[in-house]
PDB file of N, CA and C in Angstrom:
ATOM      1  N   UNK A   1      -1.480 -27.752   3.084  1.00  0.00           N
ATOM      2  CA  UNK A   1      -1.683 -26.181   2.622  1.00  0.00           C
ATOM      3  C   UNK A   1      -0.620 -25.375   2.832  1.00  0.00           C
ATOM      4  N   UNK A   2      -0.085 -24.589   2.506  1.00  0.00           N
ATOM      5  CA  UNK A   2       0.954 -23.946   2.600  1.00  0.00           C
ATOM      6  C   UNK A   2       0.415 -22.221   3.322  1.00  0.00           C
ATOM      7  N   UNK A   3       0.929 -22.061   4.337  1.00  0.00           N
ATOM      8  CA  UNK A   3       0.435 -20.501   4.875  1.00  0.00           C
ATOM      9  C   UNK A   3       1.409 -19.584   4.843  1.00  0.00           C
ATOM     10  N   UNK A   4       1.107 -18.297   4.532  1.00  0.00           N
ATOM     11  CA  UNK A   4       2.044 -17.213   4.643  1.00  0.00           C
ATOM     12  C   UNK A   4       1.801 -16.368   5.947  1.00  0.00           C
ATOM     13  N   UNK A   5       3.192 -16.099   6.282  1.00  0.00           N
ATOM     14  CA  UNK A   5       3.509 -15.502   7.597  1.00  0.00           C
ATOM     15  C   UNK A   5       3.914 -13.922   7.319  1.00  0.00           C
ATOM     16  N   UNK A   6       3.172 -12.956   7.872  1.00  0.00           N
ATOM     17  CA  UNK A   6       3.749 -11.787   7.796  1.00  0.00           C
ATOM     18  C   UNK A   6       5.138 -11.724   7.986  1.00  0.00           C
ATOM     19  N   UNK A   7       5.651 -10.354   7.359  1.00  0.00           N
ATOM     20  CA  UNK A   7       7.179 -10.150   7.838  1.00  0.00           C
ATOM     21  C   UNK A   7       6.917  -9.103   9.144  1.00  0.00           C
ATOM     22  N   UNK A   8       7.573  -9.646  10.181  1.00  0.00           N
ATOM     23  CA  UNK A   8       7.562  -9.068  11.632  1.00  0.00           C
ATOM     24  C   UNK A   8       8.835  -8.496  11.686  1.00  0.00           C
ATOM     25  N   UNK A   9      10.227  -8.766  11.189  1.00  0.00           N
ATOM     26  CA  UNK A   9      11.101  -8.225  11.807  1.00  0.00           C
ATOM     27  C   UNK A   9      11.397  -6.870  10.963  1.00  0.00           C
ATOM     28  N   UNK A  10      11.320  -5.776  11.948  1.00  0.00           N
ATOM     29  CA  UNK A  10      11.755  -4.386  11.217  1.00  0.00           C
ATOM     30  C   UNK A  10      12.475  -4.022  10.492  1.00  0.00           C
ATOM     31  N   UNK A  11      13.888  -4.625  10.984  1.00  0.00           N
ATOM     32  CA  UNK A  11      14.861  -4.698   9.971  1.00  0.00           C
ATOM     33  C   UNK A  11      14.600  -5.201   8.523  1.00  0.00           C
ATOM     34  N   UNK A  12      14.235  -6.324   8.552  1.00  0.00           N
ATOM     35  CA  UNK A  12      13.787  -7.036   7.090  1.00  0.00           C
ATOM     36  C   UNK A  12      12.837  -6.096   6.419  1.00  0.00           C
ATOM     37  N   UNK A  13      11.906  -5.734   7.112  1.00  0.00           N
ATOM     38  CA  UNK A  13      10.788  -4.334   6.261  1.00  0.00           C
ATOM     39  C   UNK A  13      11.842  -3.351   5.951  1.00  0.00           C
ATOM     40  N   UNK A  14      12.727  -2.634   6.835  1.00  0.00           N
ATOM     41  CA  UNK A  14      13.555  -1.925   6.042  1.00  0.00           C
ATOM     42  C   UNK A  14      14.606  -1.985   4.981  1.00  0.00           C
ATOM     43  N   UNK A  15      15.133  -3.082   5.153  1.00  0.00           N
ATOM     44  CA  UNK A  15      16.056  -3.891   3.981  1.00  0.00           C
ATOM     45  C   UNK A  15      15.106  -3.916   2.600  1.00  0.00           C
ATOM     46  N   UNK A  16      14.109  -4.342   2.800  1.00  0.00           N
ATOM     47  CA  UNK A  16      13.169  -4.723   1.473  1.00  0.00           C
ATOM     48  C   UNK A  16      12.623  -3.244   0.821  1.00  0.00           C
ATOM     49  N   UNK A  17      12.397  -2.448   1.881  1.00  0.00           N
ATOM     50  CA  UNK A  17      11.961  -0.852   1.214  1.00  0.00           C
ATOM     51  C   UNK A  17      13.353  -0.421   0.804  1.00  0.00           C
ATOM     52  N   UNK A  18      14.469  -0.320   1.466  1.00  0.00           N
ATOM     53  CA  UNK A  18      15.606   0.304   0.733  1.00  0.00           C
ATOM     54  C   UNK A  18      15.552  -0.568  -0.684  1.00  0.00           C
ATOM     55  N   UNK A  19      15.834  -1.754  -0.903  1.00  0.00           N
ATOM     56  CA  UNK A  19      15.921  -2.193  -1.987  1.00  0.00           C
ATOM     57  C   UNK A  19      14.831  -2.057  -3.055  1.00  0.00           C
ATOM     58  N   UNK A  20      13.632  -2.017  -2.717  1.00  0.00           N
ATOM     59  CA  UNK A  20      12.660  -1.820  -3.696  1.00  0.00           C
ATOM     60  C   UNK A  20      12.385   0.067  -4.071  1.00  0.00           C
ATOM     61  N   UNK A  21      13.135   0.710  -2.897  1.00  0.00           N
ATOM     62  CA  UNK A  21      13.396   1.967  -3.563  1.00  0.00           C
ATOM     63  C   UNK A  21      14.437   2.572  -4.295  1.00  0.00           C
ATOM     64  N   UNK A  22      15.403   1.614  -4.296  1.00  0.00           N
ATOM     65  CA  UNK A  22      16.567   1.888  -5.155  1.00  0.00           C
ATOM     66  C   UNK A  22      16.349   1.425  -6.778  1.00  0.00           C
ATOM     67  N   UNK A  23      15.401   0.122  -6.763  1.00  0.00           N
ATOM     68  CA  UNK A  23      15.040  -0.236  -7.821  1.00  0.00           C
ATOM     69  C   UNK A  23      13.814   0.394  -8.414  1.00  0.00           C
ATOM     70  N   UNK A  24      12.730   0.504  -7.813  1.00  0.00           N
ATOM     71  CA  UNK A  24      11.611   0.470  -8.405  1.00  0.00           C
ATOM     72  C   UNK A  24      10.451   1.211  -7.481  1.00  0.00           C
ATOM     73  N   UNK A  25      10.313   2.606  -7.831  1.00  0.00           N
ATOM     74  CA  UNK A  25       9.448   3.375  -6.514  1.00  0.00           C
ATOM     75  C   UNK A  25       7.826   2.768  -6.571  1.00  0.00           C
ATOM     76  N   UNK A  26       7.538   2.301  -7.625  1.00  0.00           N
ATOM     77  CA  UNK A  26       5.877   1.900  -7.539  1.00  0.00           C
ATOM     78  C   UNK A  26       5.747   0.561  -6.633  1.00  0.00           C
ATOM     79  N   UNK A  27       6.705  -0.048  -6.859  1.00  0.00           N
ATOM     80  CA  UNK A  27       6.824  -1.419  -6.147  1.00  0.00           C
ATOM     81  C   UNK A  27       7.195  -1.087  -4.620  1.00  0.00           C
ATOM     82  N   UNK A  28       7.947   0.009  -4.563  1.00  0.00           N
ATOM     83  CA  UNK A  28       8.079   0.420  -2.910  1.00  0.00           C
ATOM     84  C   UNK A  28       6.594   0.878  -2.468  1.00  0.00           C
ATOM     85  N   UNK A  29       6.047   1.638  -3.412  1.00  0.00           N
ATOM     86  CA  UNK A  29       4.689   2.217  -2.879  1.00  0.00           C
ATOM     87  C   UNK A  29       3.611   0.803  -2.497  1.00  0.00           C
ATOM     88  N   UNK A  30       3.943  -0.068  -3.109  1.00  0.00           N
ATOM     89  CA  UNK A  30       2.840  -1.215  -3.455  1.00  0.00           C
ATOM     90  C   UNK A  30       3.056  -1.874  -2.056  1.00  0.00           C
ATOM     91  N   UNK A  31       4.630  -2.232  -1.590  1.00  0.00           N
ATOM     92  CA  UNK A  31       5.016  -2.644  -0.492  1.00  0.00           C
ATOM     93  C   UNK A  31       4.696  -2.125   0.582  1.00  0.00           C
ATOM     94  N   UNK A  32       4.748  -0.675   0.760  1.00  0.00           N
ATOM     95  CA  UNK A  32       4.623   0.265   2.103  1.00  0.00           C
ATOM     96  C   UNK A  32       3.062  -0.079   1.924  1.00  0.00           C
ATOM     97  N   UNK A  33       2.134   0.166   0.959  1.00  0.00           N
ATOM     98  CA  UNK A  33       0.806   0.005   1.099  1.00  0.00           C
ATOM     99  C   UNK A  33       0.366  -1.188   1.917  1.00  0.00           C
ATOM    100  N   UNK A  34       0.912  -2.424   1.591  1.00  0.00           N
ATOM    101  CA  UNK A  34       0.447  -3.660   2.081  1.00  0.00           C
ATOM    102  C   UNK A  34       1.016  -3.849   3.600  1.00  0.00           C
ATOM    103  N   UNK A  35       2.247  -3.402   3.949  1.00  0.00           N
ATOM    104  CA  UNK A  35       3.048  -3.597   4.955  1.00  0.00           C
ATOM    105  C   UNK A  35       1.967  -2.531   5.939  1.00  0.00           C
ATOM    106  N   UNK A  36       1.694  -1.270   5.963  1.00  0.00           N
ATOM    107  CA  UNK A  36       0.861  -0.269   6.536  1.00  0.00           C
ATOM    108  C   UNK A  36      -0.935  -0.712   6.634  1.00  0.00           C
ATOM    109  N   UNK A  37      -1.224  -1.465   5.528  1.00  0.00           N
ATOM    110  CA  UNK A  37      -2.567  -1.542   5.671  1.00  0.00           C
ATOM    111  C   UNK A  37      -2.969  -3.268   5.666  1.00  0.00           C
ATOM    112  N   UNK A  38      -2.202  -3.885   5.662  1.00  0.00           N
ATOM    113  CA  UNK A  38      -2.566  -5.474   5.345  1.00  0.00           C
ATOM    114  C   UNK A  38      -3.040  -5.910   4.621  1.00  0.00           C
ATOM    115  N   UNK A  39      -3.756  -4.984   3.472  1.00  0.00           N
ATOM    116  CA  UNK A  39      -4.596  -5.502   2.379  1.00  0.00           C
ATOM    117  C   UNK A  39      -3.713  -6.237   1.339  1.00  0.00           C
ATOM    118  N   UNK A  40      -4.325  -6.829   0.674  1.00  0.00           N
ATOM    119  CA  UNK A  40      -3.469  -8.112  -0.147  1.00  0.00           C
ATOM    120  C   UNK A  40      -3.040  -7.044  -1.356  1.00  0.00           C
ATOM    121  N   UNK A  41      -2.455  -7.967  -2.162  1.00  0.00           N
ATOM    122  CA  UNK A  41      -1.599  -7.236  -3.386  1.00  0.00           C
ATOM    123  C   UNK A  41      -2.956  -7.051  -4.367  1.00  0.00           C
ATOM    124  N   UNK A  42      -3.856  -8.172  -4.360  1.00  0.00           N
ATOM    125  CA  UNK A  42      -4.684  -8.176  -5.556  1.00  0.00           C
ATOM    126  C   UNK A  42      -6.041  -6.716  -5.331  1.00  0.00           C
ATOM    127  N   UNK A  43      -6.125  -6.234  -3.944  1.00  0.00           N
ATOM    128  CA  UNK A  43      -6.738  -5.429  -3.536  1.00  0.00           C
ATOM    129  C   UNK A  43      -6.055  -3.964  -3.692  1.00  0.00           C
ATOM    130  N   UNK A  44      -4.770  -4.226  -3.695  1.00  0.00           N
ATOM    131  CA  UNK A  44      -3.747  -2.803  -3.599  1.00  0.00           C
ATOM    132  C   UNK A  44      -3.785  -2.127  -4.968  1.00  0.00           C
ATOM    133  N   UNK A  45      -3.627  -3.525  -6.102  1.00  0.00           N
ATOM    134  CA  UNK A  45      -3.482  -3.068  -7.492  1.00  0.00           C
ATOM    135  C   UNK A  45      -4.717  -2.226  -7.830  1.00  0.00           C
ATOM    136  N   UNK A  46      -5.919  -2.385  -7.186  1.00  0.00           N
ATOM    137  CA  UNK A  46      -7.173  -1.886  -7.458  1.00  0.00           C
ATOM    138  C   UNK A  46      -7.301  -0.467  -7.214  1.00  0.00           C
ATOM    139  N   UNK A  47      -6.496  -0.010  -6.060  1.00  0.00           N
ATOM    140  CA  UNK A  47      -6.511   1.382  -5.597  1.00  0.00           C
ATOM    141  C   UNK A  47      -6.379   2.514  -6.577  1.00  0.00           C
ATOM    142  N   UNK A  48      -7.286   3.495  -6.490  1.00  0.00           N
ATOM    143  CA  UNK A  48      -7.249   4.720  -7.512  1.00  0.00           C
ATOM    144  C   UNK A  48      -6.524   5.725  -6.954  1.00  0.00           C
ATOM    145  N   UNK A  49      -5.765   6.767  -7.565  1.00  0.00           N
ATOM    146  CA  UNK A  49      -5.183   7.735  -6.818  1.00  0.00           C
ATOM    147  C   UNK A  49      -6.517   8.628  -5.962  1.00  0.00           C
ATOM    148  N   UNK A  50      -7.267   8.794  -6.228  1.00  0.00           N
ATOM    149  CA  UNK A  50      -8.669   9.579  -5.871  1.00  0.00           C
ATOM    150  C   UNK A  50      -9.038   8.677  -4.615  1.00  0.00           C
ATOM    151  N   UNK A  51      -8.631   7.489  -4.411  1.00  0.00           N
ATOM    152  CA  UNK A  51      -9.190   6.585  -3.388  1.00  0.00           C
ATOM    153  C   UNK A  51      -8.029   7.100  -2.064  1.00  0.00           C
ATOM    154  N   UNK A  52      -7.082   7.750  -2.337  1.00  0.00           N
ATOM    155  CA  UNK A  52      -5.967   8.112  -1.273  1.00  0.00           C
ATOM    156  C   UNK A  52      -5.565   9.459  -1.165  1.00  0.00           C
ATOM    157  N   UNK A  53      -5.766  10.027  -2.216  1.00  0.00           N
ATOM    158  CA  UNK A  53      -5.605  11.956  -2.132  1.00  0.00           C
ATOM    159  C   UNK A  53      -6.411  12.383  -1.396  1.00  0.00           C
ATOM    160  N   UNK A  54      -5.840  13.454  -0.157  1.00  0.00           N
ATOM    161  CA  UNK A  54      -6.503  13.826   0.825  1.00  0.00           C
ATOM    162  C   UNK A  54      -7.349  13.237   1.436  1.00  0.00           C
ATOM    163  N   UNK A  55      -7.055  11.771   1.992  1.00  0.00           N
ATOM    164  CA  UNK A  55      -8.155  11.111   2.896  1.00  0.00           C
ATOM    165  C   UNK A  55      -6.877  10.643   4.020  1.00  0.00           C
ATOM    166  N   UNK A  56      -7.772  10.297   5.201  1.00  0.00           N
ATOM    167  CA  UNK A  56      -7.107   9.713   6.282  1.00  0.00           C
ATOM    168  C   UNK A  56      -7.171   8.106   6.317  1.00  0.00           C
ATOM    169  N   UNK A  57      -8.229   7.787   5.549  1.00  0.00           N
ATOM    170  CA  UNK A  57      -8.624   6.212   5.571  1.00  0.00           C
ATOM    171  C   UNK A  57      -8.660   5.766   3.865  1.00  0.00           C
ATOM    172  N   UNK A  58      -8.348   4.501   3.731  1.00  0.00           N
ATOM    173  CA  UNK A  58      -8.398   3.741   2.507  1.00  0.00           C
ATOM    174  C   UNK A  58      -9.719   2.886   2.832  1.00  0.00           C
ATOM    175  N   UNK A  59     -10.688   2.993   1.890  1.00  0.00           N
ATOM    176  CA  UNK A  59     -11.804   1.756   2.098  1.00  0.00           C
ATOM    177  C   UNK A  59     -11.719   0.962   0.632  1.00  0.00           C
ATOM    178  N   UNK A  60     -11.970  -0.245   1.054  1.00  0.00           N
ATOM    179  CA  UNK A  60     -11.956  -1.353  -0.083  1.00  0.00           C
ATOM    180  C   UNK A  60     -12.917  -2.230   0.041  1.00  0.00           C
ATOM    181  N   UNK A  61     -13.258  -2.845  -0.968  1.00  0.00           N
ATOM    182  CA  UNK A  61     -14.374  -4.266  -0.910  1.00  0.00           C
ATOM    183  C   UNK A  61     -13.269  -5.283  -1.090  1.00  0.00           C
ATOM    184  N   UNK A  62     -12.642  -6.111  -0.537  1.00  0.00           N
ATOM    185  CA  UNK A  62     -11.891  -7.260  -0.682  1.00  0.00           C
ATOM    186  C   UNK A  62     -12.509  -8.131  -2.014  1.00  0.00           C
ATOM    187  N   UNK A  63     -11.423  -8.492  -2.603  1.00  0.00           N
ATOM    188  CA  UNK A  63     -11.676  -9.485  -3.712  1.00  0.00           C
ATOM    189  C   UNK A  63     -12.211 -10.887  -3.289  1.00  0.00           C
ATOM    190  N   UNK A  64     -11.277 -11.198  -2.183  1.00  0.00           N
ATOM    191  CA  UNK A  64     -11.512 -12.465  -1.888  1.00  0.00           C
ATOM    192  C   UNK A  64     -12.728 -12.826  -0.743  1.00  0.00           C
ATOM    193  N   UNK A  65     -13.253 -12.007  -0.159  1.00  0.00           N
ATOM    194  CA  UNK A  65     -14.161 -12.110   0.925  1.00  0.00           C
ATOM    195  C   UNK A  65     -15.137 -10.975   0.647  1.00  0.00           C
ATOM    196  N   UNK A  66     -15.162 -10.189  -0.266  1.00  0.00           N
ATOM    197  CA  UNK A  66     -16.565  -9.489  -0.875  1.00  0.00           C
ATOM    198  C   UNK A  66     -16.733  -8.393   0.604  1.00  0.00           C
ATOM    199  N   UNK A  67     -15.884  -8.264   1.417  1.00  0.00           N
ATOM    200  CA  UNK A  67     -16.252  -7.462   2.708  1.00  0.00           C
ATOM    201  C   UNK A  67     -15.605  -6.118   2.420  1.00  0.00           C
ATOM    202  N   UNK A  68     -16.164  -5.290   3.173  1.00  0.00           N
ATOM    203  CA  UNK A  68     -15.656  -3.922   3.258  1.00  0.00           C
ATOM    204  C   UNK A  68     -14.772  -3.651   4.347  1.00  0.00           C
ATOM    205  N   UNK A  69     -13.273  -3.400   3.979  1.00  0.00           N
ATOM    206  CA  UNK A  69     -12.010  -3.198   4.781  1.00  0.00           C
ATOM    207  C   UNK A  69     -11.792  -1.820   4.573  1.00  0.00           C
ATOM    208  N   UNK A  70     -11.482  -1.207   5.933  1.00  0.00           N
ATOM    209  CA  UNK A  70     -11.131   0.136   6.168  1.00  0.00           C
ATOM    210  C   UNK A  70      -9.663   0.112   6.626  1.00  0.00           C
ATOM    211  N   UNK A  71      -8.312   0.781   5.980  1.00  0.00           N
ATOM    212  CA  UNK A  71      -7.352   0.983   7.121  1.00  0.00           C
ATOM    213  C   UNK A  71      -7.144   2.609   6.854  1.00  0.00           C
ATOM    214  N   UNK A  72      -6.378   2.809   8.127  1.00  0.00           N
ATOM    215  CA  UNK A  72      -5.986   4.478   8.348  1.00  0.00           C
ATOM    216  C   UNK A  72      -4.617   4.280   7.754  1.00  0.00           C
ATOM    217  N   UNK A  73      -4.622   5.895   6.922  1.00  0.00           N
ATOM    218  CA  UNK A  73      -3.418   6.211   6.231  1.00  0.00           C
ATOM    219  C   UNK A  73      -2.531   6.923   7.336  1.00  0.00           C
ATOM    220  N   UNK A  74      -1.586   6.308   8.150  1.00  0.00           N
ATOM    221  CA  UNK A  74      -0.686   6.648   9.066  1.00  0.00           C
ATOM    222  C   UNK A  74       0.083   8.141   8.236  1.00  0.00           C
ATOM    223  N   UNK A  75       1.043   9.003   8.920  1.00  0.00           N
ATOM    224  CA  UNK A  75       1.936   9.976   8.606  1.00  0.00           C
ATOM    225  C   UNK A  75       2.930   9.254   7.617  1.00  0.00           C
ATOM    226  N   UNK A  76       3.917   8.530   8.142  1.00  0.00           N
ATOM    227  CA  UNK A  76       4.573   7.965   6.952  1.00  0.00           C
ATOM    228  C   UNK A  76       4.113   7.502   5.807  1.00  0.00           C
ATOM    229  N   UNK A  77       2.861   7.007   5.745  1.00  0.00           N
ATOM    230  CA  UNK A  77       2.312   6.368   4.482  1.00  0.00           C
ATOM    231  C   UNK A  77       1.889   7.613   3.495  1.00  0.00           C
ATOM    232  N   UNK A  78       1.149   8.307   4.384  1.00  0.00           N
ATOM    233  CA  UNK A  78       0.506   9.760   3.522  1.00  0.00           C
ATOM    234  C   UNK A  78       1.785  10.433   3.141  1.00  0.00           C
ATOM    235  N   UNK A  79       3.010  10.462   3.543  1.00  0.00           N
ATOM    236  CA  UNK A  79       3.812  11.344   3.009  1.00  0.00           C
ATOM    237  C   UNK A  79       4.608  10.660   1.769  1.00  0.00           C
ATOM    238  N   UNK A  80       4.696   9.116   1.663  1.00  0.00           N
ATOM    239  CA  UNK A  80       5.215   8.642   0.479  1.00  0.00           C
ATOM    240  C   UNK A  80       4.134   8.548  -0.305  1.00  0.00           C
ATOM    241  N   UNK A  81       2.871   8.405  -0.289  1.00  0.00           N
ATOM    242  CA  UNK A  81       1.683   8.234  -0.874  1.00  0.00           C
ATOM    243  C   UNK A  81       1.605   9.577  -1.563  1.00  0.00           C
ATOM    244  N   UNK A  82       1.730  10.839  -1.008  1.00  0.00           N
ATOM    245  CA  UNK A  82       1.922  12.380  -1.443  1.00  0.00           C
ATOM    246  C   UNK A  82       2.800  12.360  -2.387  1.00  0.00           C
ATOM    247  N   UNK A  83       3.893  11.852  -2.255  1.00  0.00           N
ATOM    248  CA  UNK A  83       5.052  12.094  -3.193  1.00  0.00           C
ATOM    249  C   UNK A  83       4.772  11.211  -4.484  1.00  0.00           C
ATOM    250  N   UNK A  84       4.189  10.230  -4.444  1.00  0.00           N
ATOM    251  CA  UNK A  84       3.827   9.401  -5.787  1.00  0.00           C
ATOM    252  C   UNK A  84       2.725   9.817  -6.361  1.00  0.00           C
ATOM    253  N   UNK A  85       1.776  10.471  -5.799  1.00  0.00           N
ATOM    254  CA  UNK A  85       0.430  10.966  -6.633  1.00  0.00           C
ATOM    255  C   UNK A  85       0.737  12.292  -6.805  1.00  0.00           C
ATOM    256  N   UNK A  86       1.770  13.217  -6.631  1.00  0.00           N
ATOM    257  CA  UNK A  86       2.003  14.281  -6.660  1.00  0.00           C
ATOM    258  C   UNK A  86       1.227  14.951  -8.084  1.00  0.00           C
ATOM    259  N   UNK A  87       1.810  14.527  -9.392  1.00  0.00           N
ATOM    260  CA  UNK A  87       1.251  15.266 -10.433  1.00  0.00           C
ATOM    261  C   UNK A  87       0.678  13.939 -11.197  1.00  0.00           C
ATOM    262  N   UNK A  88      -0.042  13.038 -10.547  1.00  0.00           N
ATOM    263  CA  UNK A  88      -0.957  11.859 -11.372  1.00  0.00           C
ATOM    264  C   UNK A  88      -2.317  12.413 -11.343  1.00  0.00           C
ATOM    265  N   UNK A  89      -2.738  11.926 -12.621  1.00  0.00           N
ATOM    266  CA  UNK A  89      -4.410  12.045 -12.517  1.00  0.00           C
ATOM    267  C   UNK A  89      -5.252  10.950 -11.687  1.00  0.00           C
ATOM    268  N   UNK A  90      -6.199  11.064 -11.873  1.00  0.00           N
ATOM    269  CA  UNK A  90      -7.233   9.903 -11.088  1.00  0.00           C
ATOM    270  C   UNK A  90      -7.264   8.622 -11.377  1.00  0.00           C
ATOM    271  N   UNK A  91      -5.894   8.256 -12.264  1.00  0.00           N
ATOM    272  CA  UNK A  91      -5.841   6.644 -12.438  1.00  0.00           C
ATOM    273  C   UNK A  91      -5.509   5.594 -11.382  1.00  0.00           C
ATOM    274  N   UNK A  92      -5.196   4.487 -12.002  1.00  0.00           N
ATOM    275  CA  UNK A  92      -4.800   3.483 -11.086  1.00  0.00           C
ATOM    276  C   UNK A  92      -3.035   3.852 -10.603  1.00  0.00           C
ATOM    277  N   UNK A  93      -2.600   3.291  -9.756  1.00  0.00           N
ATOM    278  CA  UNK A  93      -1.209   3.399  -9.393  1.00  0.00           C
ATOM    279  C   UNK A  93      -0.434   2.704 -10.476  1.00  0.00           C
TER     280      UNK A  93
END
């Protein structure tokens, strides 16, 4: 069985963020959400604008385990999310 290890090198994370920011802002937001929350991409893709707008935490039911998982929205993540959802409705990211 193959195991996936998290990216721990802060410089690598900065490089990936810079590349994503240059190419696709949505992908940058998805990566930033994953790095800051630890959520799986299958769960991140289900997050709606109303799930993060004016919130301090994100709460989801994980698809894989069907458990409730909460994550704090830190200031840097909040800033990026606010920029991304500024003029969006309540739909999916």
